[in-house]
Each structure stands twice: as structure tokens, then as C-alpha cells.
Amino acid sequence: MSTPENKIAELDEAAQAELNKVLGTALGVAREQLEEQGVFLPFAIAVEPATEENAEPELRLLAVQPTEDLDDPEADIDAEVMMADLVQLLQDQRDSFNAVAFVSDVTLLDDATDAVHVLAEHRNGGSVAIVQPYTAPDPETGIWEFSEPSAEGGQIQVWA
């Protein structure tokens, strides 16, 4: 199966606004979870189509239950399995959304740092990935440090 073409440059203003909305919300929720809990599990943000003229589209937070290893209840949570489950969930419900963003906590091996990774896509064919490195809080100040996010073209998964 071939990968669909990323048409990010061809998206109209409304579609760009929906992508920006899920991206901004996703980064904000991940940052909030890090600051409050110190960690977060993979999740998704989706924007539903507006239901009334001039109505603001609804945002939804979607998550899946981590798979438990019954043989080893202390085993680490498999974030890749959770992300695959989120992709499947959103593929199954893609007609209900205009844009989605998948969010995960990743390690950037080249930089030896952690980062928030957001992959957002729009039903009209555009996709973008954002990576925002972060540093855990200084024990004295308790302040998390978030670097400037960087963007690149993303892979289309939901509307493939």
C-alpha cells in the first residue's frame, strides 16, 4: 500500500486553522500533564466538524487503556501498542472528525533528551509532525524547560 501524498501546502485556511487547533491543544495538554504528573501516556486530540453555522468545532481528547501483561504486572507500558490502538480507533471513527493529533513522549537519541511528539493530520490530506524537546524541572525551582518546537511533514495514517 502506498503512502498518500501530504497536501499540507494545499490546505485552505479553515483546514489550517483546524490543524493548528489540534496541534496547539495537544502540545498544551502534554505540557500540562508533564508539569502536573511528570509523565503522560499517548493520547489523541480530535476536532469534530462544526454543527451550526459559525459554531466553534468541538475538540475531543481520546485515549486507550494500556495493555496489561498478566504474566508480569510490573512490566513497562508499551507506548507503541497504545499508539497503534489510537490510530486504529481514529481510523474507525474518521468520518466523525476533521483533524486529529497523536501525542507521545519520545526520547531523542541523538540529543539524549526527551520530547513531546505530535503528529497531526487533516481529512483533506495534510499532515505535520511537531517535536518539542523538554527538560525535567530543576530540583530547586521546579520549573520545566520546554525548547522551541520544530516541524516537518508528517505521515498520513487516519485518512490513508
N, C-alpha and C. Protein backbone atom coordinates (compact mmCIF):
# COMPACT_ATOMS: atom_id res chain seq x y z
N MET A 1 0.85 -1.18 0.00
CA MET A 1 0.00 0.00 0.00
C MET A 1 0.89 1.24 0.00
N SER A 2 0.64 2.16 -0.91
CA SER A 2 1.45 3.37 -0.97
C SER A 2 0.96 4.39 0.04
N THR A 3 1.87 5.26 0.45
CA THR A 3 1.54 6.32 1.40
C THR A 3 0.89 7.46 0.63
N PRO A 4 -0.25 7.97 1.12
CA PRO A 4 -0.90 9.08 0.42
C PRO A 4 -0.01 10.33 0.44
N GLU A 5 -0.19 11.14 -0.59
CA GLU A 5 0.59 12.38 -0.69
C GLU A 5 0.17 13.35 0.40
N ASN A 6 1.16 13.99 1.02
CA ASN A 6 0.91 15.00 2.03
C ASN A 6 0.63 16.32 1.32
N LYS A 7 -0.60 16.80 1.43
CA LYS A 7 -1.02 18.01 0.73
C LYS A 7 -1.11 19.20 1.68
N ILE A 8 -0.19 19.29 2.62
CA ILE A 8 -0.23 20.34 3.63
C ILE A 8 -0.25 21.73 3.00
N ALA A 9 0.51 21.94 1.94
CA ALA A 9 0.58 23.26 1.30
C ALA A 9 -0.71 23.62 0.58
N GLU A 10 -1.54 22.63 0.30
CA GLU A 10 -2.78 22.88 -0.44
C GLU A 10 -4.00 23.07 0.45
N LEU A 11 -3.84 22.92 1.77
CA LEU A 11 -4.98 23.06 2.66
C LEU A 11 -5.48 24.50 2.69
N ASP A 12 -6.81 24.66 2.73
CA ASP A 12 -7.36 26.01 2.81
C ASP A 12 -7.22 26.56 4.24
N GLU A 13 -7.61 27.80 4.41
CA GLU A 13 -7.43 28.49 5.70
C GLU A 13 -8.18 27.78 6.83
N ALA A 14 -9.38 27.30 6.57
CA ALA A 14 -10.17 26.62 7.60
C ALA A 14 -9.49 25.32 8.04
N ALA A 15 -8.98 24.56 7.08
CA ALA A 15 -8.29 23.31 7.41
C ALA A 15 -7.01 23.59 8.18
N GLN A 16 -6.26 24.62 7.77
CA GLN A 16 -5.04 25.01 8.50
C GLN A 16 -5.39 25.39 9.94
N ALA A 17 -6.49 26.11 10.11
CA ALA A 17 -6.92 26.52 11.45
C ALA A 17 -7.26 25.30 12.31
N GLU A 18 -7.91 24.30 11.70
CA GLU A 18 -8.23 23.08 12.45
C GLU A 18 -6.97 22.32 12.83
N LEU A 19 -6.00 22.24 11.92
CA LEU A 19 -4.73 21.59 12.24
C LEU A 19 -4.03 22.33 13.37
N ASN A 20 -3.99 23.65 13.28
CA ASN A 20 -3.35 24.45 14.33
C ASN A 20 -4.04 24.26 15.67
N LYS A 21 -5.37 24.12 15.64
CA LYS A 21 -6.13 23.93 16.88
C LYS A 21 -5.76 22.61 17.56
N VAL A 22 -5.70 21.51 16.80
CA VAL A 22 -5.36 20.23 17.42
C VAL A 22 -3.89 20.21 17.84
N LEU A 23 -3.01 20.83 17.05
CA LEU A 23 -1.60 20.89 17.42
C LEU A 23 -1.39 21.67 18.72
N GLY A 24 -1.96 22.86 18.78
CA GLY A 24 -1.80 23.69 19.97
C GLY A 24 -2.39 23.05 21.21
N THR A 25 -3.56 22.47 21.06
CA THR A 25 -4.20 21.81 22.20
C THR A 25 -3.39 20.60 22.64
N ALA A 26 -2.90 19.82 21.68
CA ALA A 26 -2.11 18.63 22.00
C ALA A 26 -0.84 19.00 22.77
N LEU A 27 -0.11 20.01 22.27
CA LEU A 27 1.10 20.44 22.98
C LEU A 27 0.77 20.97 24.36
N GLY A 28 -0.32 21.72 24.48
CA GLY A 28 -0.72 22.27 25.78
C GLY A 28 -1.09 21.19 26.79
N VAL A 29 -1.85 20.19 26.35
CA VAL A 29 -2.25 19.10 27.25
C VAL A 29 -1.03 18.29 27.67
N ALA A 30 -0.13 17.99 26.73
CA ALA A 30 1.08 17.23 27.07
C ALA A 30 1.92 18.00 28.08
N ARG A 31 2.12 19.27 27.84
CA ARG A 31 2.91 20.10 28.75
C ARG A 31 2.27 20.14 30.14
N GLU A 32 0.96 20.31 30.18
CA GLU A 32 0.24 20.34 31.45
C GLU A 32 0.41 19.02 32.21
N GLN A 33 0.30 17.90 31.49
CA GLN A 33 0.47 16.59 32.12
C GLN A 33 1.89 16.42 32.66
N LEU A 34 2.88 16.85 31.90
CA LEU A 34 4.26 16.76 32.37
C LEU A 34 4.46 17.60 33.63
N GLU A 35 3.96 18.82 33.61
CA GLU A 35 4.14 19.71 34.76
C GLU A 35 3.41 19.22 36.00
N GLU A 36 2.25 18.59 35.82
CA GLU A 36 1.47 18.12 36.97
C GLU A 36 1.84 16.70 37.41
N GLN A 37 2.12 15.80 36.44
CA GLN A 37 2.34 14.39 36.76
C GLN A 37 3.78 13.92 36.54
N GLY A 38 4.53 14.66 35.74
CA GLY A 38 5.88 14.26 35.41
C GLY A 38 5.97 13.29 34.24
N VAL A 39 4.85 12.80 33.76
CA VAL A 39 4.77 11.86 32.64
C VAL A 39 3.41 12.00 31.97
N PHE A 40 3.29 11.39 30.79
CA PHE A 40 1.97 11.24 30.18
C PHE A 40 2.00 10.03 29.26
N LEU A 41 0.85 9.41 29.12
CA LEU A 41 0.68 8.28 28.20
C LEU A 41 0.21 8.83 26.85
N PRO A 42 0.42 8.07 25.78
CA PRO A 42 -0.05 8.53 24.47
C PRO A 42 -1.56 8.84 24.50
N PHE A 43 -1.91 9.89 23.77
CA PHE A 43 -3.32 10.28 23.65
C PHE A 43 -3.51 10.97 22.31
N ALA A 44 -4.75 11.29 22.00
CA ALA A 44 -5.06 11.99 20.75
C ALA A 44 -6.03 13.12 21.04
N ILE A 45 -5.95 14.14 20.22
CA ILE A 45 -6.90 15.25 20.23
C ILE A 45 -7.55 15.24 18.84
N ALA A 46 -8.86 15.36 18.80
CA ALA A 46 -9.57 15.39 17.52
C ALA A 46 -10.54 16.56 17.51
N VAL A 47 -10.73 17.13 16.33
CA VAL A 47 -11.69 18.21 16.18
C VAL A 47 -12.84 17.69 15.31
N GLU A 48 -14.04 17.86 15.86
CA GLU A 48 -15.25 17.46 15.13
C GLU A 48 -15.69 18.62 14.24
N PRO A 49 -16.41 18.33 13.17
CA PRO A 49 -16.92 19.42 12.34
C PRO A 49 -17.89 20.30 13.13
N ALA A 50 -17.92 21.58 12.79
CA ALA A 50 -18.88 22.49 13.42
C ALA A 50 -20.29 22.01 13.07
N THR A 51 -21.20 22.09 14.04
CA THR A 51 -22.56 21.59 13.83
C THR A 51 -23.53 22.68 13.41
N GLU A 52 -23.22 23.92 13.75
CA GLU A 52 -24.08 25.04 13.38
C GLU A 52 -23.22 26.08 12.68
N GLU A 53 -23.84 26.91 11.86
CA GLU A 53 -23.08 27.95 11.18
C GLU A 53 -22.41 28.86 12.21
N ASN A 54 -21.15 29.15 11.99
CA ASN A 54 -20.33 29.98 12.88
C ASN A 54 -20.09 29.36 14.25
N ALA A 55 -20.49 28.13 14.44
CA ALA A 55 -20.24 27.47 15.73
C ALA A 55 -18.79 27.01 15.78
N GLU A 56 -18.24 27.04 16.95
CA GLU A 56 -16.86 26.58 17.16
C GLU A 56 -16.85 25.06 17.14
N PRO A 57 -15.94 24.44 16.36
CA PRO A 57 -15.89 22.97 16.34
C PRO A 57 -15.48 22.43 17.70
N GLU A 58 -15.99 21.26 18.03
CA GLU A 58 -15.70 20.62 19.32
C GLU A 58 -14.38 19.86 19.26
N LEU A 59 -13.62 19.98 20.34
CA LEU A 59 -12.39 19.21 20.49
C LEU A 59 -12.67 18.03 21.40
N ARG A 60 -12.07 16.89 21.10
CA ARG A 60 -12.21 15.70 21.94
C ARG A 60 -10.84 15.16 22.27
N LEU A 61 -10.66 14.75 23.50
CA LEU A 61 -9.45 14.05 23.92
C LEU A 61 -9.77 12.57 23.90
N LEU A 62 -8.93 11.78 23.23
CA LEU A 62 -9.15 10.34 23.14
C LEU A 62 -7.93 9.62 23.70
N ALA A 63 -8.19 8.56 24.42
CA ALA A 63 -7.11 7.75 24.99
C ALA A 63 -7.53 6.29 24.94
N VAL A 64 -6.56 5.42 25.05
CA VAL A 64 -6.81 3.99 25.10
C VAL A 64 -6.18 3.44 26.38
N GLN A 65 -6.72 2.35 26.82
CA GLN A 65 -6.21 1.69 28.03
C GLN A 65 -4.90 1.00 27.73
N PRO A 66 -3.89 1.17 28.58
CA PRO A 66 -2.64 0.42 28.36
C PRO A 66 -2.91 -1.08 28.45
N THR A 67 -2.23 -1.84 27.63
CA THR A 67 -2.35 -3.29 27.66
C THR A 67 -1.60 -3.82 28.87
N GLU A 68 -2.26 -4.67 29.63
CA GLU A 68 -1.62 -5.23 30.82
C GLU A 68 -0.97 -6.57 30.47
N ASP A 69 0.20 -6.79 31.02
CA ASP A 69 0.88 -8.07 30.88
C ASP A 69 0.51 -8.89 32.11
N LEU A 70 -0.42 -9.82 31.94
CA LEU A 70 -0.90 -10.61 33.08
C LEU A 70 0.19 -11.46 33.70
N ASP A 71 1.21 -11.82 32.90
CA ASP A 71 2.33 -12.60 33.43
C ASP A 71 3.28 -11.73 34.24
N ASP A 72 3.32 -10.43 33.94
CA ASP A 72 4.24 -9.52 34.63
C ASP A 72 3.54 -8.18 34.86
N PRO A 73 2.77 -8.06 35.96
CA PRO A 73 2.02 -6.83 36.20
C PRO A 73 2.91 -5.60 36.40
N GLU A 74 4.20 -5.81 36.66
CA GLU A 74 5.13 -4.69 36.85
C GLU A 74 5.80 -4.27 35.53
N ALA A 75 5.44 -4.92 34.43
CA ALA A 75 6.07 -4.63 33.14
C ALA A 75 5.77 -3.19 32.71
N ASP A 76 6.71 -2.63 31.94
CA ASP A 76 6.52 -1.28 31.42
C ASP A 76 5.34 -1.26 30.46
N ILE A 77 4.70 -0.12 30.39
CA ILE A 77 3.61 0.09 29.44
C ILE A 77 4.21 0.23 28.04
N ASP A 78 3.60 -0.42 27.07
CA ASP A 78 4.09 -0.37 25.70
C ASP A 78 3.39 0.78 24.96
N ALA A 79 4.09 1.92 24.88
CA ALA A 79 3.52 3.10 24.25
C ALA A 79 3.27 2.89 22.76
N GLU A 80 4.09 2.06 22.11
CA GLU A 80 3.89 1.79 20.68
C GLU A 80 2.57 1.07 20.44
N VAL A 81 2.24 0.12 21.30
CA VAL A 81 0.97 -0.59 21.17
C VAL A 81 -0.19 0.39 21.41
N MET A 82 -0.04 1.25 22.42
CA MET A 82 -1.09 2.23 22.69
C MET A 82 -1.28 3.16 21.49
N MET A 83 -0.18 3.59 20.87
CA MET A 83 -0.28 4.49 19.73
C MET A 83 -0.96 3.77 18.56
N ALA A 84 -0.61 2.52 18.33
CA ALA A 84 -1.26 1.75 17.26
C ALA A 84 -2.77 1.61 17.53
N ASP A 85 -3.13 1.40 18.80
CA ASP A 85 -4.55 1.32 19.17
C ASP A 85 -5.26 2.65 18.93
N LEU A 86 -4.58 3.77 19.24
CA LEU A 86 -5.17 5.09 18.99
C LEU A 86 -5.39 5.33 17.49
N VAL A 87 -4.39 4.96 16.69
CA VAL A 87 -4.53 5.12 15.24
C VAL A 87 -5.72 4.31 14.75
N GLN A 88 -5.84 3.07 15.20
CA GLN A 88 -6.97 2.22 14.79
C GLN A 88 -8.30 2.82 15.23
N LEU A 89 -8.37 3.31 16.45
CA LEU A 89 -9.58 3.94 16.97
C LEU A 89 -10.00 5.12 16.09
N LEU A 90 -9.04 5.96 15.74
CA LEU A 90 -9.37 7.13 14.93
C LEU A 90 -9.63 6.77 13.47
N GLN A 91 -8.99 5.73 12.96
CA GLN A 91 -9.34 5.27 11.61
C GLN A 91 -10.78 4.80 11.58
N ASP A 92 -11.19 4.09 12.62
CA ASP A 92 -12.56 3.58 12.70
C ASP A 92 -13.59 4.71 12.82
N GLN A 93 -13.18 5.85 13.39
CA GLN A 93 -14.10 6.97 13.63
C GLN A 93 -13.79 8.18 12.75
N ARG A 94 -13.00 8.00 11.70
CA ARG A 94 -12.51 9.14 10.92
C ARG A 94 -13.61 10.00 10.32
N ASP A 95 -14.78 9.44 10.06
CA ASP A 95 -15.88 10.23 9.50
C ASP A 95 -16.43 11.24 10.51
N SER A 96 -16.08 11.09 11.78
CA SER A 96 -16.57 11.98 12.84
C SER A 96 -15.67 13.19 13.06
N PHE A 97 -14.49 13.23 12.41
CA PHE A 97 -13.51 14.27 12.70
C PHE A 97 -12.99 14.95 11.44
N ASN A 98 -12.55 16.18 11.60
CA ASN A 98 -11.89 16.91 10.51
C ASN A 98 -10.37 16.87 10.63
N ALA A 99 -9.87 16.82 11.87
CA ALA A 99 -8.43 16.80 12.11
C ALA A 99 -8.15 16.04 13.40
N VAL A 100 -6.98 15.42 13.45
CA VAL A 100 -6.58 14.67 14.64
C VAL A 100 -5.10 14.94 14.91
N ALA A 101 -4.71 14.77 16.16
CA ALA A 101 -3.30 14.86 16.56
C ALA A 101 -3.00 13.73 17.53
N PHE A 102 -1.94 12.99 17.23
CA PHE A 102 -1.48 11.91 18.11
C PHE A 102 -0.30 12.46 18.92
N VAL A 103 -0.30 12.20 20.21
CA VAL A 103 0.72 12.77 21.09
C VAL A 103 1.42 11.66 21.85
N SER A 104 2.76 11.71 21.84
CA SER A 104 3.52 10.73 22.60
C SER A 104 4.77 11.38 23.18
N ASP A 105 5.29 10.74 24.21
CA ASP A 105 6.52 11.17 24.86
C ASP A 105 7.64 10.33 24.26
N VAL A 106 8.63 10.98 23.66
CA VAL A 106 9.70 10.26 22.97
C VAL A 106 11.06 10.66 23.52
N THR A 107 12.05 9.84 23.23
CA THR A 107 13.43 10.17 23.56
C THR A 107 14.17 10.42 22.25
N LEU A 108 14.82 11.57 22.18
CA LEU A 108 15.62 11.91 21.01
C LEU A 108 17.03 11.40 21.27
N LEU A 109 17.35 10.25 20.69
CA LEU A 109 18.62 9.59 20.98
C LEU A 109 19.82 10.44 20.59
N ASP A 110 19.76 11.12 19.45
CA ASP A 110 20.89 11.95 19.02
C ASP A 110 21.19 13.08 20.00
N ASP A 111 20.14 13.60 20.62
CA ASP A 111 20.30 14.72 21.55
C ASP A 111 20.28 14.27 23.01
N ALA A 112 20.01 13.00 23.25
CA ALA A 112 19.91 12.46 24.61
C ALA A 112 18.96 13.29 25.47
N THR A 113 17.78 13.56 24.90
CA THR A 113 16.78 14.34 25.63
C THR A 113 15.39 13.79 25.34
N ASP A 114 14.45 14.13 26.18
CA ASP A 114 13.06 13.74 25.98
C ASP A 114 12.34 14.83 25.20
N ALA A 115 11.22 14.46 24.55
CA ALA A 115 10.46 15.43 23.76
C ALA A 115 9.01 15.00 23.67
N VAL A 116 8.17 15.99 23.47
CA VAL A 116 6.77 15.76 23.13
C VAL A 116 6.73 15.65 21.60
N HIS A 117 6.12 14.56 21.10
CA HIS A 117 5.98 14.38 19.66
C HIS A 117 4.49 14.43 19.33
N VAL A 118 4.13 15.30 18.39
CA VAL A 118 2.74 15.42 17.96
C VAL A 118 2.69 15.23 16.45
N LEU A 119 1.86 14.31 16.01
CA LEU A 119 1.63 14.09 14.59
C LEU A 119 0.17 14.45 14.32
N ALA A 120 -0.03 15.51 13.54
CA ALA A 120 -1.40 15.96 13.25
C ALA A 120 -1.69 15.77 11.77
N GLU A 121 -2.95 15.45 11.49
CA GLU A 121 -3.35 15.33 10.09
C GLU A 121 -4.78 15.81 9.91
N HIS A 122 -5.07 16.22 8.68
CA HIS A 122 -6.39 16.73 8.34
C HIS A 122 -7.02 15.80 7.31
N ARG A 123 -8.32 15.72 7.35
CA ARG A 123 -9.04 14.84 6.43
C ARG A 123 -8.82 15.22 4.97
N ASN A 124 -8.42 16.46 4.70
CA ASN A 124 -8.19 16.91 3.33
C ASN A 124 -6.78 16.59 2.82
N GLY A 125 -6.01 15.84 3.60
CA GLY A 125 -4.74 15.33 3.10
C GLY A 125 -3.48 15.95 3.64
N GLY A 126 -3.52 16.86 4.56
CA GLY A 126 -2.31 17.47 5.09
C GLY A 126 -1.90 16.85 6.41
N SER A 127 -0.59 16.76 6.63
CA SER A 127 -0.08 16.20 7.88
C SER A 127 1.22 16.91 8.26
N VAL A 128 1.39 17.15 9.56
CA VAL A 128 2.59 17.79 10.07
C VAL A 128 2.98 17.13 11.39
N ALA A 129 4.27 17.02 11.62
CA ALA A 129 4.79 16.48 12.88
C ALA A 129 5.53 17.60 13.61
N ILE A 130 5.32 17.68 14.91
CA ILE A 130 5.98 18.67 15.76
C ILE A 130 6.74 17.92 16.84
N VAL A 131 7.97 18.34 17.09
CA VAL A 131 8.77 17.78 18.18
C VAL A 131 9.18 18.94 19.08
N GLN A 132 8.87 18.83 20.37
CA GLN A 132 9.24 19.86 21.33
C GLN A 132 10.05 19.22 22.47
N PRO A 133 11.38 19.37 22.42
CA PRO A 133 12.22 18.83 23.50
C PRO A 133 11.91 19.51 24.83
N TYR A 134 12.12 18.76 25.90
CA TYR A 134 11.92 19.34 27.23
C TYR A 134 12.93 18.76 28.20
N THR A 135 13.10 19.48 29.30
CA THR A 135 13.99 19.06 30.37
C THR A 135 13.19 19.04 31.66
N ALA A 136 13.33 17.96 32.43
CA ALA A 136 12.64 17.85 33.71
C ALA A 136 13.04 19.02 34.61
N PRO A 137 12.21 19.32 35.58
CA PRO A 137 12.45 20.52 36.37
C PRO A 137 13.72 20.47 37.22
N ASP A 138 14.28 21.64 37.37
CA ASP A 138 15.39 21.84 38.29
C ASP A 138 14.85 21.58 39.70
N PRO A 139 15.52 20.76 40.52
CA PRO A 139 15.00 20.47 41.86
C PRO A 139 14.78 21.72 42.73
N GLU A 140 15.56 22.75 42.48
CA GLU A 140 15.42 23.96 43.28
C GLU A 140 14.23 24.81 42.86
N THR A 141 14.03 24.94 41.55
CA THR A 141 12.97 25.83 41.07
C THR A 141 11.67 25.08 40.75
N GLY A 142 11.78 23.82 40.38
CA GLY A 142 10.59 23.05 39.98
C GLY A 142 10.04 23.45 38.63
N ILE A 143 10.82 24.21 37.86
CA ILE A 143 10.35 24.72 36.57
C ILE A 143 10.83 23.81 35.43
N TRP A 144 9.88 23.36 34.61
CA TRP A 144 10.18 22.57 33.43
C TRP A 144 10.70 23.50 32.35
N GLU A 145 11.62 23.02 31.54
CA GLU A 145 12.13 23.80 30.43
C GLU A 145 11.69 23.16 29.12
N PHE A 146 10.97 23.93 28.32
CA PHE A 146 10.50 23.46 27.02
C PHE A 146 11.20 24.24 25.92
N SER A 147 11.88 23.55 25.02
CA SER A 147 12.57 24.19 23.90
C SER A 147 11.56 24.55 22.82
N GLU A 148 12.02 25.34 21.87
CA GLU A 148 11.17 25.70 20.73
C GLU A 148 10.81 24.44 19.96
N PRO A 149 9.55 24.28 19.58
CA PRO A 149 9.19 23.11 18.77
C PRO A 149 9.71 23.24 17.35
N SER A 150 9.98 22.11 16.73
CA SER A 150 10.35 22.09 15.31
C SER A 150 9.30 21.28 14.56
N ALA A 151 9.10 21.63 13.30
CA ALA A 151 8.06 20.99 12.49
C ALA A 151 8.66 20.37 11.23
N GLU A 152 7.99 19.32 10.77
CA GLU A 152 8.33 18.69 9.50
C GLU A 152 7.07 18.04 8.96
N GLY A 153 7.10 17.64 7.70
CA GLY A 153 5.95 16.95 7.11
C GLY A 153 5.68 15.66 7.86
N GLY A 154 4.41 15.34 8.03
CA GLY A 154 4.03 14.13 8.74
C GLY A 154 3.51 13.05 7.80
N GLN A 155 3.36 11.87 8.36
CA GLN A 155 2.83 10.74 7.59
C GLN A 155 1.33 10.63 7.85
N ILE A 156 0.56 10.49 6.79
CA ILE A 156 -0.89 10.36 6.91
C ILE A 156 -1.23 8.94 7.32
N GLN A 157 -2.00 8.79 8.39
CA GLN A 157 -2.36 7.49 8.91
C GLN A 157 -3.87 7.26 8.98
N VAL A 158 -4.61 8.27 9.42
CA VAL A 158 -6.05 8.11 9.63
C VAL A 158 -6.81 8.11 8.31
N TRP A 159 -6.48 9.06 7.44
CA TRP A 159 -7.19 9.18 6.17
C TRP A 159 -6.34 8.63 5.03
N ALA A 160 -5.64 7.53 5.30
CA ALA A 160 -4.78 6.91 4.27
C ALA A 160 -5.62 6.10 3.31
